[in-house]
Amino acid sequence: MNFWKEHATLRGVLIALFFVIGMVLTIAGWKMTGKLEGLGIMLVGIVFLLTALFVYNAAYKN
């Protein structure tokens, strides 16, 4: 499981991918004001953004 932690290019691509997907889902859900589906889409987007943070921080974990 250390393969993606040691390769900066792969890590950068994963972070960018999770960030872009998370932002798109969060903004798409935000535009659905008053609908429960919008809240669900926003929460999935937040999970993708938190995953991007996890991937970024994993390289610096002891």
PDB file of N, CA and C in Angstrom:
ATOM      1  N   MET A   1       0.822  -1.195   0.000  1.00  0.00           N
ATOM      2  CA  MET A   1       0.000   0.000   0.000  1.00  0.00           C
ATOM      3  C   MET A   1       0.864   1.255   0.000  1.00  0.00           C
ATOM      4  N   ASN A   2       2.155   1.129   0.109  1.00  0.00           N
ATOM      5  CA  ASN A   2       3.033   2.289   0.133  1.00  0.00           C
ATOM      6  C   ASN A   2       3.380   2.785  -1.262  1.00  0.00           C
ATOM      7  N   PHE A   3       2.960   2.081  -2.305  1.00  0.00           N
ATOM      8  CA  PHE A   3       3.334   2.463  -3.666  1.00  0.00           C
ATOM      9  C   PHE A   3       2.883   3.880  -3.993  1.00  0.00           C
ATOM     10  N   TRP A   4       1.605   4.202  -3.738  1.00  0.00           N
ATOM     11  CA  TRP A   4       1.107   5.533  -4.061  1.00  0.00           C
ATOM     12  C   TRP A   4       1.617   6.594  -3.110  1.00  0.00           C
ATOM     13  N   LYS A   5       2.073   6.201  -1.937  1.00  0.00           N
ATOM     14  CA  LYS A   5       2.646   7.169  -0.999  1.00  0.00           C
ATOM     15  C   LYS A   5       4.036   7.624  -1.442  1.00  0.00           C
ATOM     16  N   GLU A   6       4.760   6.759  -2.128  1.00  0.00           N
ATOM     17  CA  GLU A   6       6.138   7.048  -2.504  1.00  0.00           C
ATOM     18  C   GLU A   6       6.280   7.681  -3.884  1.00  0.00           C
ATOM     19  N   HIS A   7       5.252   7.672  -4.695  1.00  0.00           N
ATOM     20  CA  HIS A   7       5.326   8.214  -6.050  1.00  0.00           C
ATOM     21  C   HIS A   7       4.551   9.531  -6.116  1.00  0.00           C
ATOM     22  N   ALA A   8       5.296  10.621  -6.242  1.00  0.00           N
ATOM     23  CA  ALA A   8       4.712  11.966  -6.179  1.00  0.00           C
ATOM     24  C   ALA A   8       3.748  12.222  -7.334  1.00  0.00           C
ATOM     25  N   THR A   9       4.051  11.729  -8.511  1.00  0.00           N
ATOM     26  CA  THR A   9       3.181  11.979  -9.669  1.00  0.00           C
ATOM     27  C   THR A   9       1.828  11.307  -9.488  1.00  0.00           C
ATOM     28  N   LEU A  10       1.846  10.063  -9.084  1.00  0.00           N
ATOM     29  CA  LEU A  10       0.599   9.343  -8.852  1.00  0.00           C
ATOM     30  C   LEU A  10      -0.207  10.004  -7.743  1.00  0.00           C
ATOM     31  N   ARG A  11       0.460  10.385  -6.680  1.00  0.00           N
ATOM     32  CA  ARG A  11      -0.207  11.053  -5.567  1.00  0.00           C
ATOM     33  C   ARG A  11      -0.819  12.373  -6.026  1.00  0.00           C
ATOM     34  N   GLY A  12      -0.086  13.137  -6.832  1.00  0.00           N
ATOM     35  CA  GLY A  12      -0.594  14.406  -7.342  1.00  0.00           C
ATOM     36  C   GLY A  12      -1.819  14.230  -8.224  1.00  0.00           C
ATOM     37  N   VAL A  13      -1.788  13.205  -9.054  1.00  0.00           N
ATOM     38  CA  VAL A  13      -2.941  12.930  -9.927  1.00  0.00           C
ATOM     39  C   VAL A  13      -4.153  12.522  -9.096  1.00  0.00           C
ATOM     40  N   LEU A  14      -3.940  11.672  -8.096  1.00  0.00           N
ATOM     41  CA  LEU A  14      -5.055  11.263  -7.234  1.00  0.00           C
ATOM     42  C   LEU A  14      -5.641  12.451  -6.475  1.00  0.00           C
ATOM     43  N   ILE A  15      -4.778  13.299  -5.938  1.00  0.00           N
ATOM     44  CA  ILE A  15      -5.253  14.468  -5.200  1.00  0.00           C
ATOM     45  C   ILE A  15      -6.055  15.387  -6.119  1.00  0.00           C
ATOM     46  N   ALA A  16      -5.525  15.656  -7.306  1.00  0.00           N
ATOM     47  CA  ALA A  16      -6.229  16.530  -8.250  1.00  0.00           C
ATOM     48  C   ALA A  16      -7.561  15.922  -8.674  1.00  0.00           C
ATOM     49  N   LEU A  17      -7.579  14.627  -8.928  1.00  0.00           N
ATOM     50  CA  LEU A  17      -8.805  13.954  -9.345  1.00  0.00           C
ATOM     51  C   LEU A  17      -9.872  14.015  -8.253  1.00  0.00           C
ATOM     52  N   PHE A  18      -9.499  13.654  -7.027  1.00  0.00           N
ATOM     53  CA  PHE A  18     -10.455  13.700  -5.918  1.00  0.00           C
ATOM     54  C   PHE A  18     -10.928  15.127  -5.648  1.00  0.00           C
ATOM     55  N   PHE A  19     -10.028  16.100  -5.773  1.00  0.00           N
ATOM     56  CA  PHE A  19     -10.401  17.491  -5.524  1.00  0.00           C
ATOM     57  C   PHE A  19     -11.403  17.991  -6.561  1.00  0.00           C
ATOM     58  N   VAL A  20     -11.127  17.731  -7.832  1.00  0.00           N
ATOM     59  CA  VAL A  20     -12.018  18.206  -8.891  1.00  0.00           C
ATOM     60  C   VAL A  20     -13.389  17.542  -8.787  1.00  0.00           C
ATOM     61  N   ILE A  21     -13.415  16.232  -8.581  1.00  0.00           N
ATOM     62  CA  ILE A  21     -14.695  15.528  -8.441  1.00  0.00           C
ATOM     63  C   ILE A  21     -15.454  16.044  -7.226  1.00  0.00           C
ATOM     64  N   GLY A  22     -14.749  16.243  -6.122  1.00  0.00           N
ATOM     65  CA  GLY A  22     -15.391  16.751  -4.907  1.00  0.00           C
ATOM     66  C   GLY A  22     -15.971  18.135  -5.094  1.00  0.00           C
ATOM     67  N   MET A  23     -15.231  19.023  -5.756  1.00  0.00           N
ATOM     68  CA  MET A  23     -15.737  20.379  -5.978  1.00  0.00           C
ATOM     69  C   MET A  23     -16.941  20.375  -6.921  1.00  0.00           C
ATOM     70  N   VAL A  24     -16.876  19.565  -7.982  1.00  0.00           N
ATOM     71  CA  VAL A  24     -17.996  19.504  -8.928  1.00  0.00           C
ATOM     72  C   VAL A  24     -19.252  18.987  -8.228  1.00  0.00           C
ATOM     73  N   LEU A  25     -19.115  17.930  -7.446  1.00  0.00           N
ATOM     74  CA  LEU A  25     -20.284  17.379  -6.753  1.00  0.00           C
ATOM     75  C   LEU A  25     -20.820  18.343  -5.696  1.00  0.00           C
ATOM     76  N   THR A  26     -19.945  19.005  -4.974  1.00  0.00           N
ATOM     77  CA  THR A  26     -20.386  19.936  -3.945  1.00  0.00           C
ATOM     78  C   THR A  26     -21.135  21.113  -4.567  1.00  0.00           C
ATOM     79  N   ILE A  27     -20.618  21.659  -5.632  1.00  0.00           N
ATOM     80  CA  ILE A  27     -21.278  22.799  -6.280  1.00  0.00           C
ATOM     81  C   ILE A  27     -22.582  22.362  -6.959  1.00  0.00           C
ATOM     82  N   ALA A  28     -22.576  21.186  -7.571  1.00  0.00           N
ATOM     83  CA  ALA A  28     -23.805  20.682  -8.195  1.00  0.00           C
ATOM     84  C   ALA A  28     -24.894  20.458  -7.151  1.00  0.00           C
ATOM     85  N   GLY A  29     -24.525  19.917  -6.004  1.00  0.00           N
ATOM     86  CA  GLY A  29     -25.503  19.718  -4.939  1.00  0.00           C
ATOM     87  C   GLY A  29     -25.973  21.029  -4.346  1.00  0.00           C
ATOM     88  N   TRP A  30     -25.091  22.003  -4.290  1.00  0.00           N
ATOM     89  CA  TRP A  30     -25.434  23.310  -3.745  1.00  0.00           C
ATOM     90  C   TRP A  30     -26.468  24.016  -4.628  1.00  0.00           C
ATOM     91  N   LYS A  31     -26.408  23.777  -5.932  1.00  0.00           N
ATOM     92  CA  LYS A  31     -27.355  24.397  -6.852  1.00  0.00           C
ATOM     93  C   LYS A  31     -28.752  23.799  -6.732  1.00  0.00           C
ATOM     94  N   MET A  32     -28.852  22.641  -6.099  1.00  0.00           N
ATOM     95  CA  MET A  32     -30.152  21.975  -5.948  1.00  0.00           C
ATOM     96  C   MET A  32     -30.782  22.387  -4.612  1.00  0.00           C
ATOM     97  N   THR A  33     -30.989  23.668  -4.433  1.00  0.00           N
ATOM     98  CA  THR A  33     -31.502  24.204  -3.175  1.00  0.00           C
ATOM     99  C   THR A  33     -32.901  23.661  -2.884  1.00  0.00           C
ATOM    100  N   GLY A  34     -33.083  23.188  -1.668  1.00  0.00           N
ATOM    101  CA  GLY A  34     -34.385  22.711  -1.230  1.00  0.00           C
ATOM    102  C   GLY A  34     -34.671  21.257  -1.552  1.00  0.00           C
ATOM    103  N   LYS A  35     -33.733  20.563  -2.150  1.00  0.00           N
ATOM    104  CA  LYS A  35     -33.953  19.155  -2.494  1.00  0.00           C
ATOM    105  C   LYS A  35     -33.023  18.277  -1.658  1.00  0.00           C
ATOM    106  N   LEU A  36     -33.553  17.172  -1.199  1.00  0.00           N
ATOM    107  CA  LEU A  36     -32.763  16.257  -0.379  1.00  0.00           C
ATOM    108  C   LEU A  36     -31.645  15.608  -1.193  1.00  0.00           C
ATOM    109  N   GLU A  37     -31.858  15.404  -2.475  1.00  0.00           N
ATOM    110  CA  GLU A  37     -30.814  14.826  -3.328  1.00  0.00           C
ATOM    111  C   GLU A  37     -29.598  15.749  -3.380  1.00  0.00           C
ATOM    112  N   GLY A  38     -29.847  17.048  -3.363  1.00  0.00           N
ATOM    113  CA  GLY A  38     -28.753  18.013  -3.373  1.00  0.00           C
ATOM    114  C   GLY A  38     -27.864  17.872  -2.151  1.00  0.00           C
ATOM    115  N   LEU A  39     -28.486  17.654  -0.998  1.00  0.00           N
ATOM    116  CA  LEU A  39     -27.717  17.449   0.228  1.00  0.00           C
ATOM    117  C   LEU A  39     -26.873  16.189   0.127  1.00  0.00           C
ATOM    118  N   GLY A  40     -27.444  15.125  -0.422  1.00  0.00           N
ATOM    119  CA  GLY A  40     -26.695  13.880  -0.586  1.00  0.00           C
ATOM    120  C   GLY A  40     -25.515  14.047  -1.520  1.00  0.00           C
ATOM    121  N   ILE A  41     -25.724  14.768  -2.613  1.00  0.00           N
ATOM    122  CA  ILE A  41     -24.639  15.001  -3.568  1.00  0.00           C
ATOM    123  C   ILE A  41     -23.543  15.836  -2.918  1.00  0.00           C
ATOM    124  N   MET A  42     -23.937  16.831  -2.133  1.00  0.00           N
ATOM    125  CA  MET A  42     -22.943  17.657  -1.440  1.00  0.00           C
ATOM    126  C   MET A  42     -22.136  16.832  -0.443  1.00  0.00           C
ATOM    127  N   LEU A  43     -22.778  15.937   0.269  1.00  0.00           N
ATOM    128  CA  LEU A  43     -22.070  15.096   1.236  1.00  0.00           C
ATOM    129  C   LEU A  43     -21.089  14.158   0.551  1.00  0.00           C
ATOM    130  N   VAL A  44     -21.467  13.624  -0.598  1.00  0.00           N
ATOM    131  CA  VAL A  44     -20.539  12.782  -1.359  1.00  0.00           C
ATOM    132  C   VAL A  44     -19.353  13.621  -1.827  1.00  0.00           C
ATOM    133  N   GLY A  45     -19.617  14.853  -2.241  1.00  0.00           N
ATOM    134  CA  GLY A  45     -18.544  15.754  -2.641  1.00  0.00           C
ATOM    135  C   GLY A  45     -17.590  16.052  -1.504  1.00  0.00           C
ATOM    136  N   ILE A  46     -18.121  16.244  -0.309  1.00  0.00           N
ATOM    137  CA  ILE A  46     -17.286  16.494   0.867  1.00  0.00           C
ATOM    138  C   ILE A  46     -16.427  15.269   1.179  1.00  0.00           C
ATOM    139  N   VAL A  47     -16.973  14.077   0.975  1.00  0.00           N
ATOM    140  CA  VAL A  47     -16.191  12.857   1.191  1.00  0.00           C
ATOM    141  C   VAL A  47     -15.016  12.808   0.214  1.00  0.00           C
ATOM    142  N   PHE A  48     -15.245  13.190  -1.036  1.00  0.00           N
ATOM    143  CA  PHE A  48     -14.150  13.220  -2.014  1.00  0.00           C
ATOM    144  C   PHE A  48     -13.091  14.257  -1.619  1.00  0.00           C
ATOM    145  N   LEU A  49     -13.509  15.422  -1.125  1.00  0.00           N
ATOM    146  CA  LEU A  49     -12.549  16.435  -0.697  1.00  0.00           C
ATOM    147  C   LEU A  49     -11.737  15.950   0.503  1.00  0.00           C
ATOM    148  N   LEU A  50     -12.383  15.280   1.433  1.00  0.00           N
ATOM    149  CA  LEU A  50     -11.667  14.738   2.585  1.00  0.00           C
ATOM    150  C   LEU A  50     -10.718  13.616   2.172  1.00  0.00           C
ATOM    151  N   THR A  51     -11.097  12.853   1.163  1.00  0.00           N
ATOM    152  CA  THR A  51     -10.207  11.811   0.642  1.00  0.00           C
ATOM    153  C   THR A  51      -8.965  12.434   0.021  1.00  0.00           C
ATOM    154  N   ALA A  52      -9.141  13.554  -0.672  1.00  0.00           N
ATOM    155  CA  ALA A  52      -7.983  14.259  -1.236  1.00  0.00           C
ATOM    156  C   ALA A  52      -7.043  14.702  -0.121  1.00  0.00           C
ATOM    157  N   LEU A  53      -7.587  15.198   0.977  1.00  0.00           N
ATOM    158  CA  LEU A  53      -6.751  15.582   2.121  1.00  0.00           C
ATOM    159  C   LEU A  53      -6.048  14.372   2.731  1.00  0.00           C
ATOM    160  N   PHE A  54      -6.751  13.245   2.806  1.00  0.00           N
ATOM    161  CA  PHE A  54      -6.149  12.029   3.345  1.00  0.00           C
ATOM    162  C   PHE A  54      -4.963  11.572   2.501  1.00  0.00           C
ATOM    163  N   VAL A  55      -5.133  11.610   1.174  1.00  0.00           N
ATOM    164  CA  VAL A  55      -4.047  11.193   0.281  1.00  0.00           C
ATOM    165  C   VAL A  55      -2.858  12.147   0.426  1.00  0.00           C
ATOM    166  N   TYR A  56      -3.142  13.436   0.536  1.00  0.00           N
ATOM    167  CA  TYR A  56      -2.062  14.415   0.698  1.00  0.00           C
ATOM    168  C   TYR A  56      -1.305  14.179   1.997  1.00  0.00           C
ATOM    169  N   ASN A  57      -2.005  13.972   3.084  1.00  0.00           N
ATOM    170  CA  ASN A  57      -1.370  13.824   4.393  1.00  0.00           C
ATOM    171  C   ASN A  57      -0.712  12.465   4.598  1.00  0.00           C
ATOM    172  N   ALA A  58      -1.089  11.459   3.831  1.00  0.00           N
ATOM    173  CA  ALA A  58      -0.546  10.115   4.020  1.00  0.00           C
ATOM    174  C   ALA A  58       0.963  10.068   3.758  1.00  0.00           C
ATOM    175  N   ALA A  59       1.442  10.932   2.887  1.00  0.00           N
ATOM    176  CA  ALA A  59       2.874  10.922   2.564  1.00  0.00           C
ATOM    177  C   ALA A  59       3.711  11.422   3.741  1.00  0.00           C
ATOM    178  N   TYR A  60       3.119  12.212   4.610  1.00  0.00           N
ATOM    179  CA  TYR A  60       3.853  12.804   5.720  1.00  0.00           C
ATOM    180  C   TYR A  60       3.650  12.060   7.041  1.00  0.00           C
ATOM    181  N   LYS A  61       2.893  11.003   7.002  1.00  0.00           N
ATOM    182  CA  LYS A  61       2.657  10.201   8.205  1.00  0.00           C
ATOM    183  C   LYS A  61       3.871   9.311   8.466  1.00  0.00           C
ATOM    184  N   ASN A  62       4.241   9.181   9.711  1.00  0.00           N
ATOM    185  CA  ASN A  62       5.424   8.371  10.063  1.00  0.00           C
ATOM    186  C   ASN A  62       5.222   6.953   9.739  1.00  0.00           C
TER     187      ASN A  62
END
